[in-house]
Amino acid sequence: MADITKSNFAEGQLKTIVERIERLEEEKKTIAADIKEVYAEAKGNGFDIKILRKVISLRKKEPHERSEEEAMIDLYLAALGMKVVREAA
């Protein structure tokens, strides 16, 4: 009898978890569609979407992470013989 109760509880718990994940996946689709609309609006207003995505990516990073990344990019460009031009922030 205890095994049946445990089994029923586990099944109910599993069903709840699956339903929550499914609901969150639907919300994720909605949010992704909303983000796509905002990018389309930005493009319609003349903004470069590729650069906008890069700016958003950079804003997610801490200042020291951005500095380290820029230094590595500069190093790689210099190794390839490409001129590095940075303006002071």
C-alpha atoms as a PDB file:
ATOM      1  CA  MET A   1       0.000   0.000   0.000  1.00  0.00           C
ATOM      2  CA  ALA A   2       2.856   2.379   0.838  1.00  0.00           C
ATOM      3  CA  ASP A   3       4.421   1.726  -2.562  1.00  0.00           C
ATOM      4  CA  ILE A   4       1.186   2.702  -4.317  1.00  0.00           C
ATOM      5  CA  THR A   5       0.983   5.922  -2.316  1.00  0.00           C
ATOM      6  CA  LYS A   6       4.613   6.751  -3.133  1.00  0.00           C
ATOM      7  CA  SER A   7       4.019   5.905  -6.786  1.00  0.00           C
ATOM      8  CA  ASN A   8       0.909   8.097  -6.965  1.00  0.00           C
ATOM      9  CA  PHE A   9       2.782  10.951  -5.266  1.00  0.00           C
ATOM     10  CA  ALA A  10       5.740  10.617  -7.662  1.00  0.00           C
ATOM     11  CA  GLU A  11       3.412  10.529 -10.672  1.00  0.00           C
ATOM     12  CA  GLY A  12       1.566  13.607  -9.456  1.00  0.00           C
ATOM     13  CA  GLN A  13       4.815  15.410  -8.767  1.00  0.00           C
ATOM     14  CA  LEU A  14       6.193  14.477 -12.188  1.00  0.00           C
ATOM     15  CA  LYS A  15       3.004  15.671 -13.889  1.00  0.00           C
ATOM     16  CA  THR A  16       3.200  18.996 -12.048  1.00  0.00           C
ATOM     17  CA  ILE A  17       6.837  19.481 -13.044  1.00  0.00           C
ATOM     18  CA  VAL A  18       6.144  18.658 -16.692  1.00  0.00           C
ATOM     19  CA  GLU A  19       3.177  21.035 -16.797  1.00  0.00           C
ATOM     20  CA  ARG A  20       5.231  23.838 -15.232  1.00  0.00           C
ATOM     21  CA  ILE A  21       8.002  23.325 -17.778  1.00  0.00           C
ATOM     22  CA  GLU A  22       5.492  23.317 -20.626  1.00  0.00           C
ATOM     23  CA  ARG A  23       3.917  26.545 -19.344  1.00  0.00           C
ATOM     24  CA  LEU A  24       7.343  28.196 -19.037  1.00  0.00           C
ATOM     25  CA  GLU A  25       8.281  27.058 -22.552  1.00  0.00           C
ATOM     26  CA  GLU A  26       5.136  28.761 -23.866  1.00  0.00           C
ATOM     27  CA  GLU A  27       6.008  31.937 -21.954  1.00  0.00           C
ATOM     28  CA  LYS A  28       9.517  31.754 -23.410  1.00  0.00           C
ATOM     29  CA  LYS A  29       8.065  31.603 -26.933  1.00  0.00           C
ATOM     30  CA  THR A  30       5.907  34.631 -26.212  1.00  0.00           C
ATOM     31  CA  ILE A  31       8.845  36.588 -24.810  1.00  0.00           C
ATOM     32  CA  ALA A  32      11.026  35.614 -27.785  1.00  0.00           C
ATOM     33  CA  ALA A  33       8.324  36.884 -30.136  1.00  0.00           C
ATOM     34  CA  ASP A  34       8.127  40.143 -28.169  1.00  0.00           C
ATOM     35  CA  ILE A  35      11.894  40.594 -28.383  1.00  0.00           C
ATOM     36  CA  LYS A  36      11.780  39.931 -32.125  1.00  0.00           C
ATOM     37  CA  GLU A  37       9.156  42.669 -32.479  1.00  0.00           C
ATOM     38  CA  VAL A  38      11.331  45.151 -30.570  1.00  0.00           C
ATOM     39  CA  TYR A  39      14.305  44.373 -32.843  1.00  0.00           C
ATOM     40  CA  ALA A  40      12.057  44.873 -35.876  1.00  0.00           C
ATOM     41  CA  GLU A  41      10.944  48.217 -34.456  1.00  0.00           C
ATOM     42  CA  ALA A  42      14.572  49.214 -33.866  1.00  0.00           C
ATOM     43  CA  LYS A  43      15.450  48.225 -37.435  1.00  0.00           C
ATOM     44  CA  GLY A  44      12.508  50.247 -38.707  1.00  0.00           C
ATOM     45  CA  ASN A  45      13.895  53.239 -36.837  1.00  0.00           C
ATOM     46  CA  GLY A  46      17.252  52.859 -38.593  1.00  0.00           C
ATOM     47  CA  PHE A  47      19.269  51.041 -35.941  1.00  0.00           C
ATOM     48  CA  ASP A  48      21.795  48.365 -36.939  1.00  0.00           C
ATOM     49  CA  ILE A  49      20.459  45.160 -35.380  1.00  0.00           C
ATOM     50  CA  LYS A  50      23.805  43.338 -35.401  1.00  0.00           C
ATOM     51  CA  ILE A  51      25.402  46.186 -33.455  1.00  0.00           C
ATOM     52  CA  LEU A  52      22.395  46.452 -31.150  1.00  0.00           C
ATOM     53  CA  ARG A  53      22.713  42.746 -30.281  1.00  0.00           C
ATOM     54  CA  LYS A  54      26.427  43.244 -29.579  1.00  0.00           C
ATOM     55  CA  VAL A  55      25.698  46.233 -27.307  1.00  0.00           C
ATOM     56  CA  ILE A  56      23.139  44.194 -25.371  1.00  0.00           C
ATOM     57  CA  SER A  57      25.640  41.363 -25.056  1.00  0.00           C
ATOM     58  CA  LEU A  58      28.314  43.747 -23.752  1.00  0.00           C
ATOM     59  CA  ARG A  59      25.928  45.317 -21.228  1.00  0.00           C
ATOM     60  CA  LYS A  60      25.405  41.881 -19.664  1.00  0.00           C
ATOM     61  CA  LYS A  61      29.111  41.704 -18.808  1.00  0.00           C
ATOM     62  CA  GLU A  62      30.930  43.284 -15.917  1.00  0.00           C
ATOM     63  CA  PRO A  63      33.322  46.137 -16.837  1.00  0.00           C
ATOM     64  CA  HIS A  64      36.399  44.008 -16.098  1.00  0.00           C
ATOM     65  CA  GLU A  65      35.060  41.226 -18.335  1.00  0.00           C
ATOM     66  CA  ARG A  66      34.571  43.695 -21.187  1.00  0.00           C
ATOM     67  CA  SER A  67      38.073  45.077 -20.698  1.00  0.00           C
ATOM     68  CA  GLU A  68      39.596  41.603 -20.740  1.00  0.00           C
ATOM     69  CA  GLU A  69      37.649  40.713 -23.882  1.00  0.00           C
ATOM     70  CA  GLU A  70      38.705  43.923 -25.639  1.00  0.00           C
ATOM     71  CA  ALA A  71      42.347  43.306 -24.672  1.00  0.00           C
ATOM     72  CA  MET A  72      42.213  39.779 -26.101  1.00  0.00           C
ATOM     73  CA  ILE A  73      40.574  41.010 -29.304  1.00  0.00           C
ATOM     74  CA  ASP A  74      43.264  43.695 -29.640  1.00  0.00           C
ATOM     75  CA  LEU A  75      45.966  41.072 -29.075  1.00  0.00           C
ATOM     76  CA  TYR A  76      44.522  38.769 -31.746  1.00  0.00           C
ATOM     77  CA  LEU A  77      44.087  41.622 -34.227  1.00  0.00           C
ATOM     78  CA  ALA A  78      47.668  42.757 -33.639  1.00  0.00           C
ATOM     79  CA  ALA A  79      48.898  39.186 -34.171  1.00  0.00           C
ATOM     80  CA  LEU A  80      47.102  39.195 -37.517  1.00  0.00           C
ATOM     81  CA  GLY A  81      48.686  42.507 -38.481  1.00  0.00           C
ATOM     82  CA  MET A  82      45.436  44.401 -38.212  1.00  0.00           C
ATOM     83  CA  LYS A  83      45.587  47.917 -36.850  1.00  0.00           C
ATOM     84  CA  VAL A  84      43.840  48.427 -33.515  1.00  0.00           C
ATOM     85  CA  VAL A  85      42.161  51.814 -33.027  1.00  0.00           C
ATOM     86  CA  ARG A  86      40.431  52.501 -29.719  1.00  0.00           C
ATOM     87  CA  GLU A  87      39.048  55.789 -28.549  1.00  0.00           C
ATOM     88  CA  ALA A  88      39.217  56.670 -24.885  1.00  0.00           C
ATOM     89  CA  ALA A  89      35.946  56.098 -23.105  1.00  0.00           C
END
